[in-house]
C-alpha atoms as a PDB file:
ATOM      1  CA  UNK A   1      24.303 -14.001 -33.304  1.00  0.00           C
ATOM      2  CA  UNK A   2      27.735 -14.762 -34.873  1.00  0.00           C
ATOM      3  CA  UNK A   3      30.746 -12.817 -33.357  1.00  0.00           C
ATOM      4  CA  UNK A   4      34.007 -13.317 -35.238  1.00  0.00           C
ATOM      5  CA  UNK A   5      37.612 -12.085 -34.669  1.00  0.00           C
ATOM      6  CA  UNK A   6      40.335 -11.865 -37.240  1.00  0.00           C
ATOM      7  CA  UNK A   7      43.939 -11.238 -36.439  1.00  0.00           C
ATOM      8  CA  UNK A   8      46.718 -10.756 -39.035  1.00  0.00           C
ATOM      9  CA  UNK A   9      50.378 -10.591 -37.369  1.00  0.00           C
ATOM     10  CA  UNK A  10      53.465  -9.945 -39.473  1.00  0.00           C
ATOM     11  CA  UNK A  11      55.813 -13.151 -39.068  1.00  0.00           C
ATOM     12  CA  UNK A  12      59.212 -11.214 -38.203  1.00  0.00           C
ATOM     13  CA  UNK A  13      62.111 -11.614 -35.977  1.00  0.00           C
ATOM     14  CA  UNK A  14      60.647  -9.099 -33.500  1.00  0.00           C
ATOM     15  CA  UNK A  15      57.333 -11.066 -33.330  1.00  0.00           C
ATOM     16  CA  UNK A  16      58.987 -14.359 -32.833  1.00  0.00           C
ATOM     17  CA  UNK A  17      61.508 -13.015 -29.920  1.00  0.00           C
ATOM     18  CA  UNK A  18      60.454 -13.788 -26.416  1.00  0.00           C
ATOM     19  CA  UNK A  19      59.249 -10.833 -24.529  1.00  0.00           C
ATOM     20  CA  UNK A  20      60.296  -9.771 -21.001  1.00  0.00           C
ATOM     21  CA  UNK A  21      57.564  -9.201 -18.558  1.00  0.00           C
ATOM     22  CA  UNK A  22      57.491  -6.280 -16.589  1.00  0.00           C
ATOM     23  CA  UNK A  23      54.780  -6.660 -13.816  1.00  0.00           C
ATOM     24  CA  UNK A  24      54.545  -3.575 -11.608  1.00  0.00           C
ATOM     25  CA  UNK A  25      50.687  -3.912 -11.097  1.00  0.00           C
ATOM     26  CA  UNK A  26      49.378  -7.037 -12.373  1.00  0.00           C
ATOM     27  CA  UNK A  27      50.780 -10.536 -12.664  1.00  0.00           C
ATOM     28  CA  UNK A  28      51.138 -11.897 -16.181  1.00  0.00           C
ATOM     29  CA  UNK A  29      49.289 -15.215 -16.858  1.00  0.00           C
ATOM     30  CA  UNK A  30      51.971 -18.190 -16.730  1.00  0.00           C
ATOM     31  CA  UNK A  31      51.557 -19.054 -20.294  1.00  0.00           C
ATOM     32  CA  UNK A  32      52.627 -15.336 -21.460  1.00  0.00           C
ATOM     33  CA  UNK A  33      55.794 -15.593 -19.401  1.00  0.00           C
ATOM     34  CA  UNK A  34      58.847 -15.229 -21.839  1.00  0.00           C
ATOM     35  CA  UNK A  35      56.581 -15.871 -24.623  1.00  0.00           C
ATOM     36  CA  UNK A  36      56.937 -14.193 -27.996  1.00  0.00           C
ATOM     37  CA  UNK A  37      54.139 -12.047 -29.600  1.00  0.00           C
ATOM     38  CA  UNK A  38      53.357 -14.820 -32.222  1.00  0.00           C
ATOM     39  CA  UNK A  39      52.588 -17.127 -28.982  1.00  0.00           C
ATOM     40  CA  UNK A  40      50.943 -14.835 -26.846  1.00  0.00           C
ATOM     41  CA  UNK A  41      48.422 -13.932 -29.783  1.00  0.00           C
ATOM     42  CA  UNK A  42      48.179 -17.744 -30.448  1.00  0.00           C
ATOM     43  CA  UNK A  43      47.021 -18.426 -26.717  1.00  0.00           C
ATOM     44  CA  UNK A  44      44.785 -15.356 -26.415  1.00  0.00           C
ATOM     45  CA  UNK A  45      42.910 -16.525 -29.789  1.00  0.00           C
ATOM     46  CA  UNK A  46      42.587 -20.141 -28.543  1.00  0.00           C
ATOM     47  CA  UNK A  47      41.032 -18.721 -25.119  1.00  0.00           C
ATOM     48  CA  UNK A  48      38.518 -16.373 -27.017  1.00  0.00           C
ATOM     49  CA  UNK A  49      37.178 -19.407 -28.781  1.00  0.00           C
ATOM     50  CA  UNK A  50      37.369 -22.004 -25.781  1.00  0.00           C
ATOM     51  CA  UNK A  51      35.708 -19.268 -23.557  1.00  0.00           C
ATOM     52  CA  UNK A  52      33.043 -18.632 -26.201  1.00  0.00           C
ATOM     53  CA  UNK A  53      33.726 -15.026 -26.367  1.00  0.00           C
ATOM     54  CA  UNK A  54      33.693 -15.266 -30.167  1.00  0.00           C
ATOM     55  CA  UNK A  55      31.966 -17.786 -32.413  1.00  0.00           C
ATOM     56  CA  UNK A  56      35.195 -18.295 -34.377  1.00  0.00           C
ATOM     57  CA  UNK A  57      38.669 -16.560 -34.426  1.00  0.00           C
ATOM     58  CA  UNK A  58      41.016 -16.429 -37.298  1.00  0.00           C
ATOM     59  CA  UNK A  59      44.748 -16.105 -36.591  1.00  0.00           C
ATOM     60  CA  UNK A  60      46.948 -15.654 -39.606  1.00  0.00           C
ATOM     61  CA  UNK A  61      50.841 -14.779 -39.855  1.00  0.00           C
ATOM     62  CA  UNK A  62      52.322 -13.135 -42.915  1.00  0.00           C
ATOM     63  CA  UNK A  63      55.845 -12.500 -44.001  1.00  0.00           C
ATOM     64  CA  UNK A  64      56.704  -9.226 -45.918  1.00  0.00           C
ATOM     65  CA  UNK A  65      58.964 -11.077 -48.084  1.00  0.00           C
ATOM     66  CA  UNK A  66      56.114 -13.424 -49.240  1.00  0.00           C
ATOM     67  CA  UNK A  67      53.668 -10.644 -49.954  1.00  0.00           C
ATOM     68  CA  UNK A  68      53.880 -11.308 -53.879  1.00  0.00           C
ATOM     69  CA  UNK A  69      53.180 -15.209 -53.448  1.00  0.00           C
ATOM     70  CA  UNK A  70      49.793 -16.757 -54.274  1.00  0.00           C
ATOM     71  CA  UNK A  71      49.589 -18.209 -50.384  1.00  0.00           C
ATOM     72  CA  UNK A  72      51.438 -15.324 -48.582  1.00  0.00           C
ATOM     73  CA  UNK A  73      50.323 -16.311 -44.946  1.00  0.00           C
ATOM     74  CA  UNK A  74      50.430 -19.213 -42.388  1.00  0.00           C
ATOM     75  CA  UNK A  75      47.975 -20.523 -40.133  1.00  0.00           C
ATOM     76  CA  UNK A  76      49.691 -21.702 -36.776  1.00  0.00           C
ATOM     77  CA  UNK A  77      46.715 -23.679 -35.605  1.00  0.00           C
ATOM     78  CA  UNK A  78      43.915 -25.394 -37.517  1.00  0.00           C
ATOM     79  CA  UNK A  79      41.298 -24.405 -34.827  1.00  0.00           C
ATOM     80  CA  UNK A  80      42.207 -20.885 -35.719  1.00  0.00           C
ATOM     81  CA  UNK A  81      42.231 -21.406 -39.482  1.00  0.00           C
ATOM     82  CA  UNK A  82      40.634 -19.006 -42.137  1.00  0.00           C
ATOM     83  CA  UNK A  83      38.751 -21.958 -43.584  1.00  0.00           C
ATOM     84  CA  UNK A  84      36.997 -22.713 -40.269  1.00  0.00           C
ATOM     85  CA  UNK A  85      36.411 -19.262 -39.606  1.00  0.00           C
ATOM     86  CA  UNK A  86      34.621 -18.570 -43.018  1.00  0.00           C
ATOM     87  CA  UNK A  87      32.815 -21.847 -43.221  1.00  0.00           C
ATOM     88  CA  UNK A  88      31.331 -20.973 -39.621  1.00  0.00           C
ATOM     89  CA  UNK A  89      30.399 -17.383 -40.994  1.00  0.00           C
ATOM     90  CA  UNK A  90      28.930 -18.908 -44.175  1.00  0.00           C
ATOM     91  CA  UNK A  91      26.795 -21.423 -42.171  1.00  0.00           C
ATOM     92  CA  UNK A  92      25.457 -18.766 -39.984  1.00  0.00           C
ATOM     93  CA  UNK A  93      24.651 -16.625 -43.000  1.00  0.00           C
ATOM     94  CA  UNK A  94      23.031 -19.577 -44.909  1.00  0.00           C
ATOM     95  CA  UNK A  95      20.804 -20.328 -41.578  1.00  0.00           C
ATOM     96  CA  UNK A  96      19.930 -16.710 -41.322  1.00  0.00           C
ATOM     97  CA  UNK A  97      18.819 -16.544 -45.101  1.00  0.00           C
ATOM     98  CA  UNK A  98      16.639 -19.631 -44.588  1.00  0.00           C
ATOM     99  CA  UNK A  99      14.802 -18.063 -41.613  1.00  0.00           C
ATOM    100  CA  UNK A 100      14.169 -14.586 -43.424  1.00  0.00           C
END
């Protein structure tokens, strides 16, 4: 089976600010200490791929100001790119239809 995860996050000042951790019950992973939401989601998506929780993960950032532009998003990491995500999905579908 193929399982994918796509995350689209607004690229704005609030998502890029570092976040203070409040740890009343559980310790936060060190890579999340004082990290912004952009960085936290980036690290989480990388873990999901590296630990093979998902076949592929796509992580995109989009700015409100660029919504009318032809390419209105950015890809913070090539490993989490839309191209890689779609290529993997299409390859899986191609293999599936060859079997059927």
